[in-house]
Amino acid sequence: MADPAAGGAALTDSAPLSQFERDYAAKRRAARRSWLVGTVIFALAFAAASWMGDFFKVTQVTLPDGSRDWRWIIPAGIPRLGDYLSQTFPTLRWDSFGADFGEWFWRWQIWLKLLLETILIAFMATVFGVIGGFLLSFPAARNLAPNGWVLWISRRYLEIARTVPDLVWALIFVFCFSVGPLAGVLAIALHSCGALGKLYSEVNENIDMRPLEGVKAAGGSWFDQIRYGAVPQVLPNIISYTLLRFEINVRSSSIIGYVGAGGLGQEFRTAMSFQEYTDLSALFLIILVTVILIDFGSEKIRHKIIGLEDKS
């Protein structure tokens, strides 16, 4: 004969399990609905953005026989892209490679001088941007700001600095200080301050607060908490973001010269104005090699600072 007490205990034990399974099934259904709604919203947003971006535009093109016809813009434009790129590559023959290469880089002395100016603009701008972004990242972090007003002001300043493109800042500073590297340094530095301040502040918001509480309990001020509790935790990430930003600034400083802010940008403008397409490829190759070398050197510096051994 079965024990009634044992049966009652079994029913009691299975009740929480059944409730758990029901709750889990309900959460799974809610998660699937959320994913479905999110997918539909994403698809609609993507379709709307594609339509507004002319991805579905139909335009008239000239066919090889000279006639005109309507074609979808993407397959119609890709061959033109190939034609443009083919004009940027010079003719290099093996039997006259030296002469052809010399003709390709015929302004190499001027370009190297402007490249040095570009790198120096990026370096100075990165230094100023790091200083400003680093100092403002602590009051711009929610867990470190001394009060709400300081948090609000710091965040709004960083937002303004990074929202305005560096090319627009360059136009403003060229108007203020005339053409030259100074306008480029100030433009990139201000934009870098906003971008780095945002990245640094996000790193600050993820730190362990216990070291800061220990410094505070020992009688340390807010600056002591930042110096001894926060900075040692965020320093590796700050170094990584700083080196990455320097690489980005090298590319930016090679473009803002287009509006008179110094660097290689003025050569891009000249080459495009006079349709010297091979000069464009030469300038692109110079910048590409420079960025590769900077990326390699930045990686070595970062590994050296954080103590990471090279695994290669």
C-alpha atoms as a PDB file:
ATOM      1  CA  MET A   1       0.000   0.000   0.000  1.00  0.00           C
ATOM      2  CA  ALA A   2       1.462   3.406  -1.052  1.00  0.00           C
ATOM      3  CA  ASP A   3       2.361   5.887   1.614  1.00  0.00           C
ATOM      4  CA  PRO A   4       0.104   8.999   1.267  1.00  0.00           C
ATOM      5  CA  ALA A   5       2.739  11.153   2.921  1.00  0.00           C
ATOM      6  CA  ALA A   6       5.330  10.177   0.312  1.00  0.00           C
ATOM      7  CA  GLY A   7       2.928  10.996  -2.515  1.00  0.00           C
ATOM      8  CA  GLY A   8       2.177  14.379  -1.033  1.00  0.00           C
ATOM      9  CA  ALA A   9       5.891  15.116  -0.717  1.00  0.00           C
ATOM     10  CA  ALA A  10       6.456  14.215  -4.379  1.00  0.00           C
ATOM     11  CA  LEU A  11       3.682  16.585  -5.482  1.00  0.00           C
ATOM     12  CA  THR A  12       5.125  19.318  -3.283  1.00  0.00           C
ATOM     13  CA  ASP A  13       8.620  18.824  -4.764  1.00  0.00           C
ATOM     14  CA  SER A  14       7.356  18.904  -8.382  1.00  0.00           C
ATOM     15  CA  ALA A  15       5.408  22.132  -7.944  1.00  0.00           C
ATOM     16  CA  PRO A  16       8.453  24.483  -7.973  1.00  0.00           C
ATOM     17  CA  LEU A  17       9.883  22.605 -10.963  1.00  0.00           C
ATOM     18  CA  SER A  18       6.636  22.989 -12.911  1.00  0.00           C
ATOM     19  CA  GLN A  19       6.497  26.674 -12.039  1.00  0.00           C
ATOM     20  CA  PHE A  20      10.095  27.095 -13.204  1.00  0.00           C
ATOM     21  CA  GLU A  21       9.335  25.387 -16.511  1.00  0.00           C
ATOM     22  CA  ARG A  22       6.297  27.597 -17.065  1.00  0.00           C
ATOM     23  CA  ASP A  23       8.281  30.738 -16.262  1.00  0.00           C
ATOM     24  CA  TYR A  24      11.120  29.621 -18.536  1.00  0.00           C
ATOM     25  CA  ALA A  25       8.710  28.896 -21.407  1.00  0.00           C
ATOM     26  CA  ALA A  26       7.080  32.317 -20.940  1.00  0.00           C
ATOM     27  CA  LYS A  27      10.452  34.062 -21.010  1.00  0.00           C
ATOM     28  CA  ARG A  28      11.430  32.118 -24.146  1.00  0.00           C
ATOM     29  CA  ARG A  29       8.232  33.224 -25.880  1.00  0.00           C
ATOM     30  CA  ALA A  30       8.821  36.826 -24.810  1.00  0.00           C
ATOM     31  CA  ALA A  31      12.408  36.649 -26.078  1.00  0.00           C
ATOM     32  CA  ARG A  32      11.283  35.265 -29.444  1.00  0.00           C
ATOM     33  CA  ARG A  33       8.694  38.029 -29.766  1.00  0.00           C
ATOM     34  CA  SER A  34      11.320  40.638 -28.927  1.00  0.00           C
ATOM     35  CA  TRP A  35      13.699  39.207 -31.539  1.00  0.00           C
ATOM     36  CA  LEU A  36      10.895  39.126 -34.124  1.00  0.00           C
ATOM     37  CA  VAL A  37       9.878  42.727 -33.434  1.00  0.00           C
ATOM     38  CA  GLY A  38      13.512  43.854 -33.467  1.00  0.00           C
ATOM     39  CA  THR A  39      14.169  42.049 -36.760  1.00  0.00           C
ATOM     40  CA  VAL A  40      11.122  43.642 -38.390  1.00  0.00           C
ATOM     41  CA  ILE A  41      12.116  47.113 -37.159  1.00  0.00           C
ATOM     42  CA  PHE A  42      15.693  46.609 -38.379  1.00  0.00           C
ATOM     43  CA  ALA A  43      14.500  45.390 -41.791  1.00  0.00           C
ATOM     44  CA  LEU A  44      12.153  48.370 -42.177  1.00  0.00           C
ATOM     45  CA  ALA A  45      14.859  50.827 -41.099  1.00  0.00           C
ATOM     46  CA  PHE A  46      17.383  49.215 -43.461  1.00  0.00           C
ATOM     47  CA  ALA A  47      14.924  49.332 -46.358  1.00  0.00           C
ATOM     48  CA  ALA A  48      14.073  52.981 -45.671  1.00  0.00           C
ATOM     49  CA  ALA A  49      17.754  53.946 -45.398  1.00  0.00           C
ATOM     50  CA  SER A  50      18.535  52.071 -48.623  1.00  0.00           C
ATOM     51  CA  TRP A  51      15.724  53.838 -50.438  1.00  0.00           C
ATOM     52  CA  MET A  52      16.783  57.263 -49.188  1.00  0.00           C
ATOM     53  CA  GLY A  53      20.398  56.425 -50.060  1.00  0.00           C
ATOM     54  CA  ASP A  54      19.471  55.790 -53.722  1.00  0.00           C
ATOM     55  CA  PHE A  55      20.369  52.099 -53.561  1.00  0.00           C
ATOM     56  CA  PHE A  56      17.255  51.355 -55.632  1.00  0.00           C
ATOM     57  CA  LYS A  57      17.646  54.323 -57.992  1.00  0.00           C
ATOM     58  CA  VAL A  58      17.252  53.741 -61.724  1.00  0.00           C
ATOM     59  CA  THR A  59      19.178  56.079 -64.017  1.00  0.00           C
ATOM     60  CA  GLN A  60      20.017  56.497 -67.674  1.00  0.00           C
ATOM     61  CA  VAL A  61      23.363  55.175 -68.880  1.00  0.00           C
ATOM     62  CA  THR A  62      25.195  55.244 -72.181  1.00  0.00           C
ATOM     63  CA  LEU A  63      25.553  51.785 -73.724  1.00  0.00           C
ATOM     64  CA  PRO A  64      28.639  50.681 -75.730  1.00  0.00           C
ATOM     65  CA  ASP A  65      26.786  51.331 -79.027  1.00  0.00           C
ATOM     66  CA  GLY A  66      26.100  54.942 -77.973  1.00  0.00           C
ATOM     67  CA  SER A  67      22.423  54.506 -77.180  1.00  0.00           C
ATOM     68  CA  ARG A  68      20.845  55.471 -73.879  1.00  0.00           C
ATOM     69  CA  ASP A  69      18.889  53.134 -71.648  1.00  0.00           C
ATOM     70  CA  TRP A  70      17.588  52.904 -68.092  1.00  0.00           C
ATOM     71  CA  ARG A  71      19.621  50.797 -65.678  1.00  0.00           C
ATOM     72  CA  TRP A  72      19.838  50.133 -61.940  1.00  0.00           C
ATOM     73  CA  ILE A  73      22.440  52.576 -60.595  1.00  0.00           C
ATOM     74  CA  ILE A  74      24.654  50.073 -58.730  1.00  0.00           C
ATOM     75  CA  PRO A  75      25.512  47.689 -61.594  1.00  0.00           C
ATOM     76  CA  ALA A  76      25.637  50.689 -63.924  1.00  0.00           C
ATOM     77  CA  GLY A  77      28.116  52.548 -61.727  1.00  0.00           C
ATOM     78  CA  ILE A  78      30.514  49.725 -60.856  1.00  0.00           C
ATOM     79  CA  PRO A  79      32.147  49.685 -64.326  1.00  0.00           C
ATOM     80  CA  ARG A  80      32.679  53.442 -64.046  1.00  0.00           C
ATOM     81  CA  LEU A  81      34.429  52.869 -60.735  1.00  0.00           C
ATOM     82  CA  GLY A  82      36.730  50.419 -62.460  1.00  0.00           C
ATOM     83  CA  ASP A  83      37.426  52.954 -65.218  1.00  0.00           C
ATOM     84  CA  TYR A  84      38.300  55.609 -62.643  1.00  0.00           C
ATOM     85  CA  LEU A  85      40.625  53.312 -60.712  1.00  0.00           C
ATOM     86  CA  SER A  86      42.340  52.199 -63.903  1.00  0.00           C
ATOM     87  CA  GLN A  87      43.225  55.835 -64.626  1.00  0.00           C
ATOM     88  CA  THR A  88      44.959  56.193 -61.264  1.00  0.00           C
ATOM     89  CA  PHE A  89      47.427  53.371 -61.897  1.00  0.00           C
ATOM     90  CA  PRO A  90      50.483  54.333 -63.943  1.00  0.00           C
ATOM     91  CA  THR A  91      52.011  52.322 -66.753  1.00  0.00           C
ATOM     92  CA  LEU A  92      54.974  50.404 -65.321  1.00  0.00           C
ATOM     93  CA  ARG A  93      57.138  48.500 -67.814  1.00  0.00           C
ATOM     94  CA  TRP A  94      59.841  46.099 -66.725  1.00  0.00           C
ATOM     95  CA  ASP A  95      62.437  47.370 -69.177  1.00  0.00           C
ATOM     96  CA  SER A  96      61.889  50.986 -68.046  1.00  0.00           C
ATOM     97  CA  PHE A  97      60.671  50.415 -64.513  1.00  0.00           C
ATOM     98  CA  GLY A  98      62.985  52.985 -62.935  1.00  0.00           C
ATOM     99  CA  ALA A  99      61.949  55.767 -65.289  1.00  0.00           C
ATOM    100  CA  ASP A 100      58.252  54.884 -65.023  1.00  0.00           C
ATOM    101  CA  PHE A 101      58.425  54.727 -61.244  1.00  0.00           C
ATOM    102  CA  GLY A 102      60.270  58.040 -61.129  1.00  0.00           C
ATOM    103  CA  GLU A 103      57.594  59.598 -63.315  1.00  0.00           C
ATOM    104  CA  TRP A 104      54.919  58.203 -60.980  1.00  0.00           C
ATOM    105  CA  PHE A 105      56.538  59.753 -57.873  1.00  0.00           C
ATOM    106  CA  TRP A 106      57.810  62.816 -59.696  1.00  0.00           C
ATOM    107  CA  ARG A 107      57.028  65.129 -56.731  1.00  0.00           C
ATOM    108  CA  TRP A 108      58.394  62.794 -54.058  1.00  0.00           C
ATOM    109  CA  GLN A 109      60.525  65.464 -52.382  1.00  0.00           C
ATOM    110  CA  ILE A 110      57.569  67.791 -51.922  1.00  0.00           C
ATOM    111  CA  TRP A 111      55.322  64.897 -50.880  1.00  0.00           C
ATOM    112  CA  LEU A 112      57.772  63.670 -48.237  1.00  0.00           C
ATOM    113  CA  LYS A 113      58.008  67.167 -46.793  1.00  0.00           C
ATOM    114  CA  LEU A 114      54.233  67.422 -46.650  1.00  0.00           C
ATOM    115  CA  LEU A 115      54.048  63.894 -45.221  1.00  0.00           C
ATOM    116  CA  LEU A 116      56.323  64.962 -42.364  1.00  0.00           C
ATOM    117  CA  GLU A 117      54.073  67.972 -41.821  1.00  0.00           C
ATOM    118  CA  THR A 118      51.042  65.652 -41.820  1.00  0.00           C
ATOM    119  CA  ILE A 119      52.572  63.385 -39.180  1.00  0.00           C
ATOM    120  CA  LEU A 120      53.568  66.325 -37.008  1.00  0.00           C
ATOM    121  CA  ILE A 121      50.051  67.768 -37.244  1.00  0.00           C
ATOM    122  CA  ALA A 122      48.626  64.413 -36.175  1.00  0.00           C
ATOM    123  CA  PHE A 123      51.151  64.106 -33.339  1.00  0.00           C
ATOM    124  CA  MET A 124      50.491  67.572 -31.900  1.00  0.00           C
ATOM    125  CA  ALA A 125      46.738  67.153 -32.296  1.00  0.00           C
ATOM    126  CA  THR A 126      46.835  63.774 -30.549  1.00  0.00           C
ATOM    127  CA  VAL A 127      48.832  65.208 -27.638  1.00  0.00           C
ATOM    128  CA  PHE A 128      46.366  68.057 -27.104  1.00  0.00           C
ATOM    129  CA  GLY A 129      43.391  65.762 -27.662  1.00  0.00           C
ATOM    130  CA  VAL A 130      44.661  63.206 -25.149  1.00  0.00           C
ATOM    131  CA  ILE A 131      45.270  65.875 -22.509  1.00  0.00           C
ATOM    132  CA  GLY A 132      41.807  67.354 -22.904  1.00  0.00           C
ATOM    133  CA  GLY A 133      40.012  64.030 -23.236  1.00  0.00           C
ATOM    134  CA  PHE A 134      41.855  62.503 -20.282  1.00  0.00           C
ATOM    135  CA  LEU A 135      41.127  65.406 -17.940  1.00  0.00           C
ATOM    136  CA  LEU A 136      37.457  65.614 -18.921  1.00  0.00           C
ATOM    137  CA  SER A 137      36.834  61.855 -18.927  1.00  0.00           C
ATOM    138  CA  PHE A 138      36.717  61.629 -15.129  1.00  0.00           C
ATOM    139  CA  PRO A 139      34.077  64.331 -14.498  1.00  0.00           C
ATOM    140  CA  ALA A 140      32.220  62.940 -17.550  1.00  0.00           C
ATOM    141  CA  ALA A 141      31.905  59.477 -15.972  1.00  0.00           C
ATOM    142  CA  ARG A 142      28.723  58.900 -13.962  1.00  0.00           C
ATOM    143  CA  ASN A 143      30.496  56.993 -11.205  1.00  0.00           C
ATOM    144  CA  LEU A 144      33.286  59.570 -10.812  1.00  0.00           C
ATOM    145  CA  ALA A 145      31.675  62.975 -11.410  1.00  0.00           C
ATOM    146  CA  PRO A 146      31.705  65.105  -8.237  1.00  0.00           C
ATOM    147  CA  ASN A 147      28.178  66.408  -8.947  1.00  0.00           C
ATOM    148  CA  GLY A 148      25.469  66.481 -11.588  1.00  0.00           C
ATOM    149  CA  TRP A 149      26.330  69.895 -13.010  1.00  0.00           C
ATOM    150  CA  VAL A 150      29.957  68.953 -13.655  1.00  0.00           C
ATOM    151  CA  LEU A 151      28.803  65.723 -15.306  1.00  0.00           C
ATOM    152  CA  TRP A 152      26.342  67.571 -17.554  1.00  0.00           C
ATOM    153  CA  ILE A 153      28.783  70.299 -18.618  1.00  0.00           C
ATOM    154  CA  SER A 154      31.616  67.837 -19.294  1.00  0.00           C
ATOM    155  CA  ARG A 155      29.444  65.555 -21.394  1.00  0.00           C
ATOM    156  CA  ARG A 156      27.919  68.377 -23.427  1.00  0.00           C
ATOM    157  CA  TYR A 157      31.364  69.813 -24.204  1.00  0.00           C
ATOM    158  CA  LEU A 158      32.661  66.439 -25.366  1.00  0.00           C
ATOM    159  CA  GLU A 159      29.544  65.932 -27.477  1.00  0.00           C
ATOM    160  CA  ILE A 160      29.957  69.288 -29.213  1.00  0.00           C
ATOM    161  CA  ALA A 161      33.663  68.682 -29.821  1.00  0.00           C
ATOM    162  CA  ARG A 162      33.147  65.313 -31.502  1.00  0.00           C
ATOM    163  CA  THR A 163      29.826  66.045 -33.224  1.00  0.00           C
ATOM    164  CA  VAL A 164      31.288  68.775 -35.431  1.00  0.00           C
ATOM    165  CA  PRO A 165      33.467  67.034 -38.076  1.00  0.00           C
ATOM    166  CA  ASP A 166      37.159  67.866 -37.976  1.00  0.00           C
ATOM    167  CA  LEU A 167      36.884  69.184 -41.544  1.00  0.00           C
ATOM    168  CA  VAL A 168      34.347  71.773 -40.357  1.00  0.00           C
ATOM    169  CA  TRP A 169      36.547  72.688 -37.393  1.00  0.00           C
ATOM    170  CA  ALA A 170      39.392  73.118 -39.898  1.00  0.00           C
ATOM    171  CA  LEU A 171      37.301  75.540 -41.972  1.00  0.00           C
ATOM    172  CA  ILE A 172      36.516  77.555 -38.831  1.00  0.00           C
ATOM    173  CA  PHE A 173      40.139  77.718 -37.694  1.00  0.00           C
ATOM    174  CA  VAL A 174      41.394  78.527 -41.208  1.00  0.00           C
ATOM    175  CA  PHE A 175      39.015  81.506 -41.133  1.00  0.00           C
ATOM    176  CA  CYS A 176      40.392  82.502 -37.699  1.00  0.00           C
ATOM    177  CA  PHE A 177      44.116  81.820 -38.112  1.00  0.00           C
ATOM    178  CA  SER A 178      44.574  81.716 -41.907  1.00  0.00           C
ATOM    179  CA  VAL A 179      45.827  78.685 -43.835  1.00  0.00           C
ATOM    180  CA  GLY A 180      48.559  76.504 -42.387  1.00  0.00           C
ATOM    181  CA  PRO A 181      49.261  73.657 -39.969  1.00  0.00           C
ATOM    182  CA  LEU A 182      47.982  75.548 -36.912  1.00  0.00           C
ATOM    183  CA  ALA A 183      44.403  75.300 -38.124  1.00  0.00           C
ATOM    184  CA  GLY A 184      44.862  71.570 -38.738  1.00  0.00           C
ATOM    185  CA  VAL A 185      46.313  70.933 -35.292  1.00  0.00           C
ATOM    186  CA  LEU A 186      43.502  72.785 -33.529  1.00  0.00           C
ATOM    187  CA  ALA A 187      40.772  71.144 -35.627  1.00  0.00           C
ATOM    188  CA  ILE A 188      41.961  67.578 -35.123  1.00  0.00           C
ATOM    189  CA  ALA A 189      42.851  68.201 -31.472  1.00  0.00           C
ATOM    190  CA  LEU A 190      39.359  69.471 -30.660  1.00  0.00           C
ATOM    191  CA  HIS A 191      37.659  66.558 -32.421  1.00  0.00           C
ATOM    192  CA  SER A 192      40.075  64.075 -30.799  1.00  0.00           C
ATOM    193  CA  CYS A 193      39.344  65.545 -27.379  1.00  0.00           C
ATOM    194  CA  GLY A 194      35.638  64.841 -27.822  1.00  0.00           C
ATOM    195  CA  ALA A 195      36.131  61.335 -29.194  1.00  0.00           C
ATOM    196  CA  LEU A 196      38.787  60.260 -26.700  1.00  0.00           C
ATOM    197  CA  GLY A 197      36.930  61.837 -23.778  1.00  0.00           C
ATOM    198  CA  LYS A 198      33.922  59.690 -24.632  1.00  0.00           C
ATOM    199  CA  LEU A 199      35.994  56.499 -24.886  1.00  0.00           C
ATOM    200  CA  TYR A 200      37.959  57.246 -21.734  1.00  0.00           C
ATOM    201  CA  SER A 201      34.800  58.019 -19.747  1.00  0.00           C
ATOM    202  CA  GLU A 202      33.249  54.695 -20.750  1.00  0.00           C
ATOM    203  CA  VAL A 203      36.377  52.930 -19.522  1.00  0.00           C
ATOM    204  CA  ASN A 204      36.146  54.881 -16.271  1.00  0.00           C
ATOM    205  CA  GLU A 205      32.550  53.773 -15.728  1.00  0.00           C
ATOM    206  CA  ASN A 206      33.630  50.108 -15.762  1.00  0.00           C
ATOM    207  CA  ILE A 207      36.327  50.326 -13.086  1.00  0.00           C
ATOM    208  CA  ASP A 208      36.249  48.683  -9.670  1.00  0.00           C
ATOM    209  CA  MET A 209      35.161  51.338  -7.156  1.00  0.00           C
ATOM    210  CA  ARG A 210      36.638  49.604  -4.100  1.00  0.00           C
ATOM    211  CA  PRO A 211      40.138  51.123  -4.488  1.00  0.00           C
ATOM    212  CA  LEU A 212      38.574  54.591  -4.662  1.00  0.00           C
ATOM    213  CA  GLU A 213      36.521  53.889  -1.547  1.00  0.00           C
ATOM    214  CA  GLY A 214      39.710  52.827   0.221  1.00  0.00           C
ATOM    215  CA  VAL A 215      41.457  56.070  -0.734  1.00  0.00           C
ATOM    216  CA  LYS A 216      38.415  58.047   0.399  1.00  0.00           C
ATOM    217  CA  ALA A 217      38.306  56.177   3.729  1.00  0.00           C
ATOM    218  CA  ALA A 218      41.957  57.052   4.267  1.00  0.00           C
ATOM    219  CA  GLY A 219      41.095  60.743   3.939  1.00  0.00           C
ATOM    220  CA  GLY A 220      41.971  61.228   0.278  1.00  0.00           C
ATOM    221  CA  SER A 221      40.360  63.959  -1.804  1.00  0.00           C
ATOM    222  CA  TRP A 222      38.492  63.443  -5.073  1.00  0.00           C
ATOM    223  CA  PHE A 223      41.711  64.043  -6.986  1.00  0.00           C
ATOM    224  CA  ASP A 224      43.504  61.479  -4.798  1.00  0.00           C
ATOM    225  CA  GLN A 225      40.797  58.932  -5.573  1.00  0.00           C
ATOM    226  CA  ILE A 226      41.225  59.526  -9.295  1.00  0.00           C
ATOM    227  CA  ARG A 227      45.022  59.485  -9.128  1.00  0.00           C
ATOM    228  CA  TYR A 228      45.497  56.370  -7.001  1.00  0.00           C
ATOM    229  CA  GLY A 229      42.227  54.488  -7.485  1.00  0.00           C
ATOM    230  CA  ALA A 230      41.094  55.077 -11.081  1.00  0.00           C
ATOM    231  CA  VAL A 231      44.118  55.923 -13.228  1.00  0.00           C
ATOM    232  CA  PRO A 232      46.046  52.660 -12.583  1.00  0.00           C
ATOM    233  CA  GLN A 233      42.980  50.661 -13.664  1.00  0.00           C
ATOM    234  CA  VAL A 234      42.281  52.533 -16.898  1.00  0.00           C
ATOM    235  CA  LEU A 235      45.838  53.218 -18.061  1.00  0.00           C
ATOM    236  CA  PRO A 236      46.194  50.162 -20.400  1.00  0.00           C
ATOM    237  CA  ASN A 237      42.957  50.987 -22.218  1.00  0.00           C
ATOM    238  CA  ILE A 238      43.881  54.649 -22.439  1.00  0.00           C
ATOM    239  CA  ILE A 239      47.172  53.731 -24.101  1.00  0.00           C
ATOM    240  CA  SER A 240      45.382  51.510 -26.628  1.00  0.00           C
ATOM    241  CA  TYR A 241      42.807  54.165 -27.512  1.00  0.00           C
ATOM    242  CA  THR A 242      45.482  56.849 -27.738  1.00  0.00           C
ATOM    243  CA  LEU A 243      47.628  54.898 -30.194  1.00  0.00           C
ATOM    244  CA  LEU A 244      44.569  54.069 -32.282  1.00  0.00           C
ATOM    245  CA  ARG A 245      43.566  57.729 -32.318  1.00  0.00           C
ATOM    246  CA  PHE A 246      47.024  58.760 -33.490  1.00  0.00           C
ATOM    247  CA  GLU A 247      46.649  56.448 -36.473  1.00  0.00           C
ATOM    248  CA  ILE A 248      43.215  57.930 -37.203  1.00  0.00           C
ATOM    249  CA  ASN A 249      44.595  61.457 -36.892  1.00  0.00           C
ATOM    250  CA  VAL A 250      47.315  60.740 -39.454  1.00  0.00           C
ATOM    251  CA  ARG A 251      44.606  59.913 -41.960  1.00  0.00           C
ATOM    252  CA  SER A 252      42.545  62.943 -40.904  1.00  0.00           C
ATOM    253  CA  SER A 253      45.499  65.316 -41.192  1.00  0.00           C
ATOM    254  CA  SER A 254      46.106  64.087 -44.731  1.00  0.00           C
ATOM    255  CA  ILE A 255      42.588  65.194 -45.687  1.00  0.00           C
ATOM    256  CA  ILE A 256      41.995  68.489 -43.878  1.00  0.00           C
ATOM    257  CA  GLY A 257      44.743  70.066 -45.961  1.00  0.00           C
ATOM    258  CA  TYR A 258      42.093  70.043 -48.689  1.00  0.00           C
ATOM    259  CA  VAL A 259      40.659  73.171 -47.047  1.00  0.00           C
ATOM    260  CA  GLY A 260      44.052  74.763 -46.407  1.00  0.00           C
ATOM    261  CA  ALA A 261      44.897  73.278 -43.010  1.00  0.00           C
ATOM    262  CA  GLY A 262      48.318  71.928 -43.997  1.00  0.00           C
ATOM    263  CA  GLY A 263      49.616  68.484 -44.850  1.00  0.00           C
ATOM    264  CA  LEU A 264      49.167  66.271 -47.895  1.00  0.00           C
ATOM    265  CA  GLY A 265      45.558  67.291 -48.355  1.00  0.00           C
ATOM    266  CA  GLN A 266      46.518  70.245 -50.513  1.00  0.00           C
ATOM    267  CA  GLU A 267      48.229  67.844 -52.914  1.00  0.00           C
ATOM    268  CA  PHE A 268      45.033  65.791 -53.137  1.00  0.00           C
ATOM    269  CA  ARG A 269      43.164  68.952 -54.033  1.00  0.00           C
ATOM    270  CA  THR A 270      45.714  69.915 -56.689  1.00  0.00           C
ATOM    271  CA  ALA A 271      45.746  66.438 -58.212  1.00  0.00           C
ATOM    272  CA  MET A 272      41.954  66.276 -58.395  1.00  0.00           C
ATOM    273  CA  SER A 273      41.668  69.808 -59.789  1.00  0.00           C
ATOM    274  CA  PHE A 274      44.125  69.097 -62.617  1.00  0.00           C
ATOM    275  CA  GLN A 275      42.901  65.495 -63.056  1.00  0.00           C
ATOM    276  CA  GLU A 276      46.349  64.080 -62.300  1.00  0.00           C
ATOM    277  CA  TYR A 277      44.947  60.676 -61.436  1.00  0.00           C
ATOM    278  CA  THR A 278      48.299  58.901 -61.122  1.00  0.00           C
ATOM    279  CA  ASP A 279      49.300  61.428 -58.470  1.00  0.00           C
ATOM    280  CA  LEU A 280      46.272  60.354 -56.456  1.00  0.00           C
ATOM    281  CA  SER A 281      47.420  56.730 -56.399  1.00  0.00           C
ATOM    282  CA  ALA A 282      50.946  57.798 -55.448  1.00  0.00           C
ATOM    283  CA  LEU A 283      49.631  59.883 -52.556  1.00  0.00           C
ATOM    284  CA  PHE A 284      47.355  57.050 -51.461  1.00  0.00           C
ATOM    285  CA  LEU A 285      50.285  54.625 -51.499  1.00  0.00           C
ATOM    286  CA  ILE A 286      52.381  57.013 -49.391  1.00  0.00           C
ATOM    287  CA  ILE A 287      49.628  57.330 -46.791  1.00  0.00           C
ATOM    288  CA  LEU A 288      48.989  53.574 -46.805  1.00  0.00           C
ATOM    289  CA  VAL A 289      52.639  52.745 -46.126  1.00  0.00           C
ATOM    290  CA  THR A 290      52.751  55.418 -43.403  1.00  0.00           C
ATOM    291  CA  VAL A 291      49.655  54.047 -41.655  1.00  0.00           C
ATOM    292  CA  ILE A 292      51.018  50.484 -41.832  1.00  0.00           C
ATOM    293  CA  LEU A 293      54.300  51.564 -40.232  1.00  0.00           C
ATOM    294  CA  ILE A 294      52.485  53.560 -37.551  1.00  0.00           C
ATOM    295  CA  ASP A 295      50.189  50.621 -36.806  1.00  0.00           C
ATOM    296  CA  PHE A 296      53.173  48.275 -36.488  1.00  0.00           C
ATOM    297  CA  GLY A 297      55.043  50.682 -34.238  1.00  0.00           C
ATOM    298  CA  SER A 298      51.951  51.385 -32.115  1.00  0.00           C
ATOM    299  CA  GLU A 299      51.436  47.678 -31.536  1.00  0.00           C
ATOM    300  CA  LYS A 300      55.028  47.240 -30.387  1.00  0.00           C
ATOM    301  CA  ILE A 301      54.795  50.244 -28.069  1.00  0.00           C
ATOM    302  CA  ARG A 302      51.505  49.082 -26.576  1.00  0.00           C
ATOM    303  CA  HIS A 303      52.816  45.555 -25.958  1.00  0.00           C
ATOM    304  CA  LYS A 304      55.959  46.981 -24.406  1.00  0.00           C
ATOM    305  CA  ILE A 305      54.023  49.256 -22.040  1.00  0.00           C
ATOM    306  CA  ILE A 306      51.471  46.682 -20.872  1.00  0.00           C
ATOM    307  CA  GLY A 307      54.095  43.921 -20.619  1.00  0.00           C
ATOM    308  CA  LEU A 308      52.602  41.630 -23.266  1.00  0.00           C
ATOM    309  CA  GLU A 309      55.241  39.435 -24.839  1.00  0.00           C
ATOM    310  CA  ASP A 310      55.320  39.085 -28.598  1.00  0.00           C
ATOM    311  CA  LYS A 311      53.882  35.663 -29.473  1.00  0.00           C
ATOM    312  CA  SER A 312      55.189  35.623 -33.009  1.00  0.00           C
END
